[in-house]
Amino acid sequence: MSSGTARDKLIEASYDLMLNAGYGATTVDDLCARAGVSKGSFYHFFKTKEELGLALLDDFFSRSKSNFLSG
């Protein structure tokens, strides 16, 4: 896992897990394990898995927009 904040690591883990296995099949425990962070860190940044899913979509949109505008 790359360096960065626990929040960044959780979003990166979400790309891998949620986009490949699906939102419903991904647990908070899975996300924390993949990101290498504690459950306390998860709940510090996100109240729910749904909130993390929305952050993932925001990040995906931002990256896509940047790629579109630069390319």
C-alpha atoms as a PDB file:
ATOM      1  CA  MET A   1       0.000   0.000   0.000  1.00  0.00           C
ATOM      2  CA  SER A   2       1.293   3.430  -0.862  1.00  0.00           C
ATOM      3  CA  SER A   3       2.122   6.085   1.665  1.00  0.00           C
ATOM      4  CA  GLY A   4      -0.485   8.658   2.547  1.00  0.00           C
ATOM      5  CA  THR A   5      -3.104   9.279   5.146  1.00  0.00           C
ATOM      6  CA  ALA A   6      -5.292   6.493   6.464  1.00  0.00           C
ATOM      7  CA  ARG A   7      -8.158   8.126   4.545  1.00  0.00           C
ATOM      8  CA  ASP A   8      -6.182   7.958   1.293  1.00  0.00           C
ATOM      9  CA  LYS A   9      -5.257   4.332   1.964  1.00  0.00           C
ATOM     10  CA  LEU A  10      -8.893   3.426   2.575  1.00  0.00           C
ATOM     11  CA  ILE A  11      -9.977   5.056  -0.679  1.00  0.00           C
ATOM     12  CA  GLU A  12      -7.244   3.227  -2.579  1.00  0.00           C
ATOM     13  CA  ALA A  13      -8.288  -0.059  -0.962  1.00  0.00           C
ATOM     14  CA  SER A  14     -11.857   0.710  -2.029  1.00  0.00           C
ATOM     15  CA  TYR A  15     -10.806   0.986  -5.665  1.00  0.00           C
ATOM     16  CA  ASP A  16      -9.349  -2.479  -5.491  1.00  0.00           C
ATOM     17  CA  LEU A  17     -12.027  -4.189  -3.420  1.00  0.00           C
ATOM     18  CA  MET A  18     -15.305  -2.423  -4.186  1.00  0.00           C
ATOM     19  CA  LEU A  19     -14.746  -1.994  -7.894  1.00  0.00           C
ATOM     20  CA  ASN A  20     -13.596  -5.606  -8.328  1.00  0.00           C
ATOM     21  CA  ALA A  21     -15.603  -7.629  -5.782  1.00  0.00           C
ATOM     22  CA  GLY A  22     -18.532  -5.251  -5.494  1.00  0.00           C
ATOM     23  CA  TYR A  23     -19.810  -2.934  -2.820  1.00  0.00           C
ATOM     24  CA  GLY A  24     -21.973  -5.532  -1.094  1.00  0.00           C
ATOM     25  CA  ALA A  25     -19.215  -8.139  -0.952  1.00  0.00           C
ATOM     26  CA  THR A  26     -16.705  -5.745   0.603  1.00  0.00           C
ATOM     27  CA  THR A  27     -16.656  -5.444   4.380  1.00  0.00           C
ATOM     28  CA  VAL A  28     -15.170  -2.761   6.591  1.00  0.00           C
ATOM     29  CA  ASP A  29     -12.787  -5.435   7.892  1.00  0.00           C
ATOM     30  CA  ASP A  30     -11.694  -6.205   4.306  1.00  0.00           C
ATOM     31  CA  LEU A  31     -11.079  -2.518   3.627  1.00  0.00           C
ATOM     32  CA  CYS A  32      -9.088  -1.999   6.817  1.00  0.00           C
ATOM     33  CA  ALA A  33      -6.976  -5.098   6.195  1.00  0.00           C
ATOM     34  CA  ARG A  34      -6.193  -4.084   2.597  1.00  0.00           C
ATOM     35  CA  ALA A  35      -5.415  -0.499   3.625  1.00  0.00           C
ATOM     36  CA  GLY A  36      -3.342  -1.576   6.616  1.00  0.00           C
ATOM     37  CA  VAL A  37      -5.297   0.632   9.019  1.00  0.00           C
ATOM     38  CA  SER A  38      -7.341   0.002  12.145  1.00  0.00           C
ATOM     39  CA  LYS A  39     -11.115   0.001  12.303  1.00  0.00           C
ATOM     40  CA  GLY A  40     -10.794   3.062  14.531  1.00  0.00           C
ATOM     41  CA  SER A  41      -9.094   4.872  11.654  1.00  0.00           C
ATOM     42  CA  PHE A  42     -11.897   3.849   9.333  1.00  0.00           C
ATOM     43  CA  TYR A  43     -14.552   5.273  11.645  1.00  0.00           C
ATOM     44  CA  HIS A  44     -12.483   8.395  12.275  1.00  0.00           C
ATOM     45  CA  PHE A  45     -12.792   9.330   8.602  1.00  0.00           C
ATOM     46  CA  PHE A  46     -16.057   7.639   7.594  1.00  0.00           C
ATOM     47  CA  LYS A  47     -19.216   7.100   9.627  1.00  0.00           C
ATOM     48  CA  THR A  48     -20.328   4.212   7.410  1.00  0.00           C
ATOM     49  CA  LYS A  49     -19.212   2.069   4.490  1.00  0.00           C
ATOM     50  CA  GLU A  50     -21.707   4.031   2.406  1.00  0.00           C
ATOM     51  CA  GLU A  51     -19.862   7.263   3.226  1.00  0.00           C
ATOM     52  CA  LEU A  52     -16.607   5.677   2.057  1.00  0.00           C
ATOM     53  CA  GLY A  53     -18.351   4.493  -1.116  1.00  0.00           C
ATOM     54  CA  LEU A  54     -19.438   8.062  -1.831  1.00  0.00           C
ATOM     55  CA  ALA A  55     -15.878   9.296  -1.201  1.00  0.00           C
ATOM     56  CA  LEU A  56     -14.670   6.663  -3.671  1.00  0.00           C
ATOM     57  CA  LEU A  57     -17.111   7.908  -6.296  1.00  0.00           C
ATOM     58  CA  ASP A  58     -16.028  11.521  -5.682  1.00  0.00           C
ATOM     59  CA  ASP A  59     -12.376  10.520  -6.048  1.00  0.00           C
ATOM     60  CA  PHE A  60     -13.104   8.527  -9.198  1.00  0.00           C
ATOM     61  CA  PHE A  61     -14.975  11.486 -10.708  1.00  0.00           C
ATOM     62  CA  SER A  62     -12.153  13.897  -9.812  1.00  0.00           C
ATOM     63  CA  ARG A  63      -9.509  11.628 -11.349  1.00  0.00           C
ATOM     64  CA  SER A  64     -11.595  11.083 -14.469  1.00  0.00           C
ATOM     65  CA  LYS A  65     -12.224  14.809 -14.849  1.00  0.00           C
ATOM     66  CA  SER A  66      -8.507  15.568 -14.468  1.00  0.00           C
ATOM     67  CA  ASN A  67      -7.594  12.921 -17.042  1.00  0.00           C
ATOM     68  CA  PHE A  68     -10.221  14.217 -19.463  1.00  0.00           C
ATOM     69  CA  LEU A  69      -9.112  17.841 -19.126  1.00  0.00           C
ATOM     70  CA  SER A  70      -5.400  17.033 -19.422  1.00  0.00           C
ATOM     71  CA  GLY A  71      -5.709  14.617 -22.325  1.00  0.00           C
END
